[in-house]
């Protein structure tokens, strides 16, 4: 018998809010948190907007010795993890800690640490960098610190598959609990690439919008980056119910595919196979799905490809929305923060809108993109899409608890 997996805790830090209730409220209001960026050398960029976390006080949350070890992305991950564990009421006995772990997704790792270190050496003429530069910038840092903070002595690792990283990470957590390799897993993603080097590199791709993210709208002109983290407590269902935990949703299915085609151009076939695979894994019929959280980057190619894929899987597609329009594209952490919109739809009956939509696109006809205003609806099952450069696709299926 396949072991079921419950979500019993959720935490997040993102441009919309510094916790899950605030994020839900912002999503339900359709509030856009994308605005002018504020960091060193931003005036040298041609794209100067993003979903930046404005009121983050690292010194108030961590001691000086801790901050010497924590990149900005790790700071976000630790706060999101703290919230998730607190909501779950998770307390592990020594033997239970051996079967509890963490898997996180990130695309850039400690990007702000990399940016600061290059600036120190190349711009400021210094001959040394901080002695903890490597532990700060390594992609495994968030997973390692979450394991140490919460005493998780089971599997602990990081997945890095560009913009599908956190969906892949959460899928791995699901599979580890199903297989019996663990009973509890923290899973999610963290990213903090809003710095000069991070955005200058993305400018070279010419996929960034200078004025806003408008997924599925005919006038869309690119993506907008964001930053933040989301972490969830995945728990074996019987364990969660036995201890009386509140179950936020069931992680019912997962699938991952590769386009095996182009490094940047998506192939709808890969997305089709990922969505259909998640449905099959969950044992869900298409008609049971009441919401799809789209990858929806706001680029012309991605939105067109994803719309084609959704129409191929669903003869009558359910409501589809992209919350990147509000909090920006969090790259490796995108799927984790966007899973909050799925939880809100399942638990609160509110479907987050696609903000910024203005004009119907003939290439996206047939999709109800929930334009600009949230919608009340009973949602019993939902999909969450993540499609990355390299043709790396990951789709999660969730059920209402």
Protein backbone atom coordinates (compact mmCIF):
# COMPACT_ATOMS: atom_id res chain seq x y z
CA UNK A 1 0.00 0.00 0.00
CA UNK A 2 1.37 3.43 -0.99
CA UNK A 3 1.91 5.70 2.00
CA UNK A 4 -0.04 8.95 1.78
CA UNK A 5 1.67 12.29 2.38
CA UNK A 6 0.15 15.26 4.20
CA UNK A 7 1.27 18.87 4.42
CA UNK A 8 1.04 19.87 8.06
CA UNK A 9 2.96 23.13 8.07
CA UNK A 10 3.79 25.99 5.71
CA UNK A 11 6.06 29.00 6.01
CA UNK A 12 7.16 31.72 3.62
CA UNK A 13 9.08 34.94 3.19
CA UNK A 14 8.43 36.72 -0.11
CA UNK A 15 7.79 40.16 -1.58
CA UNK A 16 4.07 39.95 -0.77
CA UNK A 17 4.49 39.23 2.94
CA UNK A 18 6.82 37.76 5.54
CA UNK A 19 4.45 34.93 6.47
CA UNK A 20 1.76 32.69 5.00
CA UNK A 21 -1.35 34.52 6.28
CA UNK A 22 -0.06 37.78 4.85
CA UNK A 23 0.77 36.06 1.57
CA UNK A 24 -2.74 34.59 1.37
CA UNK A 25 -4.27 38.01 1.99
CA UNK A 26 -2.10 39.63 -0.68
CA UNK A 27 -2.84 36.91 -3.22
CA UNK A 28 -6.57 37.15 -2.54
CA UNK A 29 -6.41 40.92 -2.99
CA UNK A 30 -4.45 40.63 -6.23
CA UNK A 31 -1.77 42.91 -4.80
CA UNK A 32 1.33 43.38 -6.94
CA UNK A 33 4.57 43.58 -4.96
CA UNK A 34 6.79 44.28 -7.96
CA UNK A 35 8.48 47.67 -7.84
CA UNK A 36 11.76 49.59 -8.12
CA UNK A 37 14.81 47.67 -6.94
CA UNK A 38 17.14 49.00 -4.27
CA UNK A 39 20.68 47.62 -4.08
CA UNK A 40 24.24 48.58 -4.96
CA UNK A 41 24.89 49.42 -8.63
CA UNK A 42 21.22 49.08 -9.60
CA UNK A 43 21.62 52.20 -11.74
CA UNK A 44 23.91 50.19 -14.05
CA UNK A 45 21.05 47.85 -14.97
CA UNK A 46 18.58 48.40 -17.77
CA UNK A 47 15.90 46.40 -15.90
CA UNK A 48 15.36 47.91 -12.46
CA UNK A 49 12.18 46.33 -11.15
CA UNK A 50 11.58 43.15 -9.17
CA UNK A 51 9.74 41.45 -6.36
CA UNK A 52 12.16 42.57 -3.68
CA UNK A 53 11.59 41.92 0.03
CA UNK A 54 11.59 45.46 1.41
CA UNK A 55 11.44 45.20 5.19
CA UNK A 56 13.81 42.35 5.96
CA UNK A 57 15.81 43.01 9.15
CA UNK A 58 18.44 40.30 9.26
CA UNK A 59 20.13 41.66 12.38
CA UNK A 60 16.89 41.46 14.34
CA UNK A 61 16.50 37.77 13.46
CA UNK A 62 20.05 36.44 13.67
CA UNK A 63 23.15 37.04 15.74
CA UNK A 64 26.40 38.35 14.25
CA UNK A 65 28.02 34.90 14.24
CA UNK A 66 25.01 33.40 12.50
CA UNK A 67 24.91 36.09 9.83
CA UNK A 68 28.56 35.37 9.06
CA UNK A 69 27.33 31.98 7.84
CA UNK A 70 24.02 32.90 6.20
CA UNK A 71 23.56 34.17 2.68
CA UNK A 72 20.33 36.13 2.18
CA UNK A 73 18.68 33.05 0.65
CA UNK A 74 19.52 30.97 3.73
CA UNK A 75 18.08 33.66 5.99
CA UNK A 76 14.80 33.43 4.09
CA UNK A 77 14.83 29.62 4.21
CA UNK A 78 15.40 29.49 7.96
CA UNK A 79 12.53 31.87 8.67
CA UNK A 80 10.18 29.97 6.36
CA UNK A 81 11.24 26.71 7.98
CA UNK A 82 10.66 28.12 11.46
CA UNK A 83 7.12 29.11 10.51
CA UNK A 84 6.35 25.73 8.93
CA UNK A 85 7.63 23.71 11.89
CA UNK A 86 5.73 25.94 14.32
CA UNK A 87 2.46 25.57 12.43
CA UNK A 88 2.90 21.80 12.21
CA UNK A 89 3.61 21.60 15.93
CA UNK A 90 6.48 19.33 14.96
CA UNK A 91 8.45 17.86 17.85
CA UNK A 92 10.77 14.93 17.19
CA UNK A 93 12.02 12.33 19.62
CA UNK A 94 15.64 11.21 19.05
CA UNK A 95 14.59 8.09 17.13
CA UNK A 96 12.10 10.10 15.05
CA UNK A 97 14.78 12.62 14.10
CA UNK A 98 16.66 9.80 12.37
CA UNK A 99 13.72 9.45 9.97
CA UNK A 100 13.21 13.17 9.36
CA UNK A 101 15.02 15.14 6.72
CA UNK A 102 15.02 18.10 4.36
CA UNK A 103 15.23 18.65 0.62
CA UNK A 104 15.41 22.16 -0.78
CA UNK A 105 15.46 23.63 -4.25
CA UNK A 106 17.52 26.56 -5.47
CA UNK A 107 18.75 27.79 -8.81
CA UNK A 108 21.41 30.28 -7.74
CA UNK A 109 22.44 29.23 -4.25
CA UNK A 110 24.25 31.99 -2.39
CA UNK A 111 24.16 34.49 -5.23
CA UNK A 112 24.41 37.61 -3.10
CA UNK A 113 27.51 36.15 -1.45
CA UNK A 114 29.05 35.54 -4.88
CA UNK A 115 28.18 39.08 -5.96
CA UNK A 116 29.64 40.65 -2.82
CA UNK A 117 32.82 38.57 -3.08
CA UNK A 118 33.49 39.50 -6.71
CA UNK A 119 32.87 43.15 -5.90
CA UNK A 120 35.33 43.01 -3.00
CA UNK A 121 38.09 41.46 -5.11
CA UNK A 122 37.54 43.12 -8.49
CA UNK A 123 36.04 46.51 -7.67
CA UNK A 124 37.45 47.26 -4.24
CA UNK A 125 40.88 45.72 -4.82
CA UNK A 126 40.80 43.43 -1.80
CA UNK A 127 42.97 40.32 -1.81
CA UNK A 128 40.80 38.30 0.55
CA UNK A 129 37.16 37.32 0.80
CA UNK A 130 35.21 36.31 3.89
CA UNK A 131 36.52 32.99 5.30
CA UNK A 132 33.01 31.51 5.17
CA UNK A 133 32.42 32.43 1.53
CA UNK A 134 32.20 28.80 0.38
CA UNK A 135 29.80 27.62 3.14
CA UNK A 136 27.64 30.68 2.41
CA UNK A 137 27.42 30.31 -1.35
CA UNK A 138 27.08 26.52 -1.66
CA UNK A 139 23.73 25.34 -2.97
CA UNK A 140 23.39 22.90 -0.06
CA UNK A 141 23.56 25.64 2.57
CA UNK A 142 19.82 26.08 3.18
CA UNK A 143 19.22 22.33 3.51
CA UNK A 144 22.18 21.97 5.86
CA UNK A 145 21.14 24.84 8.13
CA UNK A 146 17.52 23.68 8.26
CA UNK A 147 18.71 20.21 9.25
CA UNK A 148 20.92 21.66 11.99
CA UNK A 149 18.29 24.10 13.23
CA UNK A 150 15.59 21.41 13.60
CA UNK A 151 17.71 18.37 14.40
CA UNK A 152 16.82 16.49 11.21
CA UNK A 153 19.17 13.52 10.93
CA UNK A 154 17.65 11.70 7.98
CA UNK A 155 18.07 12.50 4.27
CA UNK A 156 19.19 16.09 3.65
CA UNK A 157 20.10 17.47 0.24
CA UNK A 158 19.48 20.15 -2.40
CA UNK A 159 18.01 19.94 -5.87
CA UNK A 160 19.08 22.46 -8.52
CA UNK A 161 17.14 22.26 -11.77
CA UNK A 162 16.85 25.97 -12.55
CA UNK A 163 13.25 27.21 -12.29
CA UNK A 164 11.86 23.74 -11.53
CA UNK A 165 14.13 23.21 -8.52
CA UNK A 166 11.63 23.46 -5.69
CA UNK A 167 8.97 21.40 -7.48
CA UNK A 168 11.59 18.71 -8.02
CA UNK A 169 12.60 19.03 -4.37
CA UNK A 170 9.05 18.66 -3.11
CA UNK A 171 8.52 15.73 -5.46
CA UNK A 172 11.58 14.03 -4.01
CA UNK A 173 10.27 14.61 -0.48
CA UNK A 174 6.97 13.02 -1.48
CA UNK A 175 8.73 10.00 -2.93
CA UNK A 176 11.01 9.54 0.07
CA UNK A 177 8.07 9.40 2.45
CA UNK A 178 6.11 7.13 0.14
CA UNK A 179 9.04 4.74 -0.14
CA UNK A 180 9.57 4.57 3.62
CA UNK A 181 12.98 6.27 3.50
CA UNK A 182 11.62 9.00 5.80
CA UNK A 183 8.51 9.84 7.79
CA UNK A 184 8.86 13.64 7.88
CA UNK A 185 10.54 15.97 5.40
CA UNK A 186 10.92 19.71 5.22
CA UNK A 187 10.69 20.64 1.56
CA UNK A 188 10.61 23.82 -0.48
CA UNK A 189 12.94 26.35 -2.03
CA UNK A 190 14.88 29.55 -1.39
CA UNK A 191 16.36 32.14 -3.72
CA UNK A 192 17.98 35.57 -3.47
CA UNK A 193 19.41 36.63 -6.82
CA UNK A 194 18.26 40.25 -6.75
CA UNK A 195 21.71 41.78 -6.90
CA UNK A 196 23.76 43.45 -9.62
CA UNK A 197 25.50 40.32 -10.89
CA UNK A 198 22.37 38.22 -10.77
CA UNK A 199 20.26 40.59 -12.83
CA UNK A 200 23.04 41.66 -15.19
CA UNK A 201 23.43 38.02 -16.24
CA UNK A 202 19.68 37.70 -16.87
CA UNK A 203 19.65 40.91 -18.89
CA UNK A 204 21.83 39.16 -21.43
CA UNK A 205 19.03 36.71 -22.21
CA UNK A 206 16.66 39.55 -23.17
CA UNK A 207 13.70 37.92 -21.45
CA UNK A 208 13.23 40.52 -18.70
CA UNK A 209 10.39 43.01 -18.64
CA UNK A 210 11.22 46.62 -17.75
CA UNK A 211 7.67 47.46 -16.68
CA UNK A 212 5.85 44.45 -15.18
CA UNK A 213 4.89 40.80 -15.40
CA UNK A 214 1.70 40.13 -17.41
CA UNK A 215 1.37 36.37 -17.91
CA UNK A 216 -0.93 35.20 -20.71
CA UNK A 217 -1.75 38.78 -21.74
CA UNK A 218 -1.18 39.70 -25.38
CA UNK A 219 0.98 42.67 -24.35
CA UNK A 220 3.31 40.66 -22.11
CA UNK A 221 6.97 41.46 -22.67
CA UNK A 222 8.97 39.30 -20.28
CA UNK A 223 9.52 38.02 -16.78
CA UNK A 224 10.28 39.90 -13.58
CA UNK A 225 12.47 38.37 -10.91
CA UNK A 226 11.57 38.01 -7.24
CA UNK A 227 13.20 36.63 -4.11
CA UNK A 228 12.19 34.69 -1.04
CA UNK A 229 11.50 31.20 0.25
CA UNK A 230 8.75 28.78 1.15
CA UNK A 231 9.12 25.63 3.24
CA UNK A 232 6.55 22.95 3.98
CA UNK A 233 6.31 20.08 6.43
CA UNK A 234 5.57 16.89 4.50
CA UNK A 235 4.48 14.12 6.83
CA UNK A 236 3.34 10.53 6.49
CA UNK A 237 -0.45 10.69 6.70
CA UNK A 238 -1.04 8.18 9.50
CA UNK A 239 1.67 9.77 11.62
CA UNK A 240 0.10 13.20 11.16
CA UNK A 241 -3.43 12.03 12.00
CA UNK A 242 -2.23 10.00 14.99
CA UNK A 243 -0.74 13.08 16.62
CA UNK A 244 -3.78 15.20 15.78
CA UNK A 245 -2.02 17.52 13.35
CA UNK A 246 -4.09 19.81 11.15
CA UNK A 247 -3.63 18.66 7.56
CA UNK A 248 -3.46 21.53 5.10
CA UNK A 249 -3.60 19.36 1.97
CA UNK A 250 -2.53 16.00 0.60
CA UNK A 251 0.41 15.77 -1.78
CA UNK A 252 -1.21 13.23 -4.06
CA UNK A 253 1.00 12.95 -7.12
CA UNK A 254 4.16 14.03 -8.87
CA UNK A 255 5.81 13.63 -12.25
CA UNK A 256 8.96 14.95 -13.90
CA UNK A 257 9.97 14.90 -17.54
CA UNK A 258 12.65 16.21 -19.85
CA UNK A 259 12.05 17.82 -23.23
CA UNK A 260 15.50 16.59 -24.34
CA UNK A 261 15.36 19.37 -26.92
CA UNK A 262 16.56 22.95 -26.58
CA UNK A 263 18.36 24.63 -23.66
CA UNK A 264 15.95 27.59 -23.56
CA UNK A 265 13.00 26.87 -25.89
CA UNK A 266 10.25 24.79 -24.23
CA UNK A 267 8.50 21.89 -25.95
CA UNK A 268 4.81 21.53 -25.02
CA UNK A 269 5.14 17.75 -25.17
CA UNK A 270 7.34 17.71 -22.06
CA UNK A 271 4.81 19.77 -20.12
CA UNK A 272 1.96 17.54 -21.33
CA UNK A 273 3.74 14.43 -20.08
CA UNK A 274 4.52 16.05 -16.72
CA UNK A 275 0.92 17.11 -16.07
CA UNK A 276 -0.54 13.83 -17.27
CA UNK A 277 2.03 11.92 -15.23
CA UNK A 278 1.10 13.82 -12.06
CA UNK A 279 -2.57 13.10 -12.66
CA UNK A 280 -1.86 9.41 -13.20
CA UNK A 281 0.38 9.21 -10.13
CA UNK A 282 -2.35 10.81 -8.00
CA UNK A 283 -5.11 8.70 -9.52
CA UNK A 284 -6.95 11.89 -10.48
CA UNK A 285 -9.35 12.27 -13.37
CA UNK A 286 -9.01 15.49 -15.37
CA UNK A 287 -12.52 16.56 -14.32
CA UNK A 288 -11.49 16.50 -10.65
CA UNK A 289 -8.90 19.26 -11.09
CA UNK A 290 -10.35 22.64 -10.17
CA UNK A 291 -7.25 24.83 -10.49
CA UNK A 292 -3.86 24.90 -12.18
CA UNK A 293 -1.11 27.12 -10.85
CA UNK A 294 0.77 27.87 -14.05
CA UNK A 295 4.47 28.34 -14.50
CA UNK A 296 3.33 31.48 -16.36
CA UNK A 297 6.51 33.54 -16.60
CA UNK A 298 5.12 36.30 -18.80
CA UNK A 299 7.49 35.55 -21.67
CA UNK A 300 5.90 35.09 -25.08
CA UNK A 301 7.34 31.64 -25.66
CA UNK A 302 6.71 30.10 -22.23
CA UNK A 303 3.10 31.22 -21.93
CA UNK A 304 2.25 30.05 -25.43
CA UNK A 305 3.88 26.66 -24.90
CA UNK A 306 2.22 26.13 -21.52
CA UNK A 307 -1.20 27.13 -22.83
CA UNK A 308 -0.85 24.62 -25.64
CA UNK A 309 0.14 21.90 -23.17
CA UNK A 310 -2.79 22.61 -20.84
CA UNK A 311 -5.26 22.48 -23.71
CA UNK A 312 -3.80 19.15 -24.82
CA UNK A 313 -4.25 17.62 -21.35
CA UNK A 314 -7.63 19.20 -20.55
CA UNK A 315 -10.42 19.34 -23.11
CA UNK A 316 -12.14 21.83 -20.78
CA UNK A 317 -9.30 23.43 -18.75
CA UNK A 318 -10.04 24.53 -15.17
CA UNK A 319 -9.11 28.05 -14.03
CA UNK A 320 -5.40 28.76 -14.55
CA UNK A 321 -3.43 31.58 -12.95
CA UNK A 322 0.15 32.75 -12.54
CA UNK A 323 1.05 34.44 -9.26
CA UNK A 324 4.44 35.45 -10.68
CA UNK A 325 2.47 38.50 -11.80
CA UNK A 326 2.40 39.57 -8.13
CA UNK A 327 5.56 38.33 -6.42
CA UNK A 328 7.86 37.91 -9.40
CA UNK A 329 9.70 34.84 -10.64
CA UNK A 330 11.64 33.31 -7.76
CA UNK A 331 13.61 31.02 -10.09
CA UNK A 332 14.48 27.90 -8.06
CA UNK A 333 12.08 28.88 -5.29
CA UNK A 334 9.18 29.71 -7.61
CA UNK A 335 7.29 26.43 -7.26
CA UNK A 336 7.52 26.55 -3.48
CA UNK A 337 6.07 30.04 -3.09
CA UNK A 338 3.48 29.29 -5.75
CA UNK A 339 2.36 26.19 -3.86
CA UNK A 340 0.92 28.64 -1.34
CA UNK A 341 -1.63 29.70 -3.97
CA UNK A 342 -2.55 26.04 -4.41
CA UNK A 343 -2.99 25.63 -0.64
CA UNK A 344 -5.15 28.76 -0.56
CA UNK A 345 -7.38 27.40 -3.31
CA UNK A 346 -7.74 24.02 -1.63
CA UNK A 347 -8.13 25.16 1.98
CA UNK A 348 -9.79 28.56 1.63
CA UNK A 349 -11.66 28.22 -1.64
CA UNK A 350 -9.96 31.29 -3.14
CA UNK A 351 -8.21 31.14 -6.52
CA UNK A 352 -5.48 33.75 -6.85
CA UNK A 353 -5.69 35.92 -9.98
CA UNK A 354 -3.30 36.56 -12.82
CA UNK A 355 -2.56 40.21 -12.11
CA UNK A 356 -1.64 42.71 -14.81
CA UNK A 357 -3.68 41.00 -17.52
CA UNK A 358 -5.01 43.49 -20.05
CA UNK A 359 -5.56 41.94 -23.49
CA UNK A 360 -6.66 38.54 -24.72
CA UNK A 361 -3.99 36.67 -26.65
CA UNK A 362 -5.27 34.52 -29.55
CA UNK A 363 -2.53 31.99 -28.75
CA UNK A 364 -3.92 31.54 -25.23
CA UNK A 365 -7.58 31.22 -26.18
CA UNK A 366 -9.42 28.53 -24.28
CA UNK A 367 -7.84 29.32 -20.93
CA UNK A 368 -9.62 31.03 -18.05
CA UNK A 369 -6.64 32.89 -16.57
CA UNK A 370 -8.62 34.45 -13.67
CA UNK A 371 -7.70 37.96 -14.79
CA UNK A 372 -6.87 40.52 -12.08
CA UNK A 373 -9.52 39.55 -9.50
CA UNK A 374 -9.45 36.51 -7.20
CA UNK A 375 -12.32 34.08 -7.42
CA UNK A 376 -14.25 32.03 -4.88
CA UNK A 377 -14.57 28.37 -5.84
CA UNK A 378 -14.53 24.95 -4.26
CA UNK A 379 -11.31 23.27 -5.38
CA UNK A 380 -10.89 19.60 -4.53
CA UNK A 381 -7.70 18.99 -6.50
CA UNK A 382 -5.08 21.15 -8.18
CA UNK A 383 -1.88 21.01 -10.21
CA UNK A 384 1.23 23.14 -9.79
CA UNK A 385 3.52 23.48 -12.82
CA UNK A 386 7.22 24.27 -13.03
CA UNK A 387 9.06 24.24 -16.36
CA UNK A 388 12.75 25.15 -16.45
CA UNK A 389 15.49 26.00 -18.91
CA UNK A 390 16.98 22.80 -20.22
CA UNK A 391 13.48 21.41 -20.73
CA UNK A 392 13.26 20.20 -17.12
CA UNK A 393 9.63 19.83 -16.06
CA UNK A 394 8.05 19.03 -12.70
CA UNK A 395 4.36 18.93 -11.80
CA UNK A 396 2.74 18.36 -8.41
CA UNK A 397 -0.85 17.24 -7.82
CA UNK A 398 -2.58 18.07 -4.54
CA UNK A 399 -5.93 17.17 -2.98
CA UNK A 400 -8.04 19.06 -0.50
CA UNK A 401 -7.67 17.55 2.99
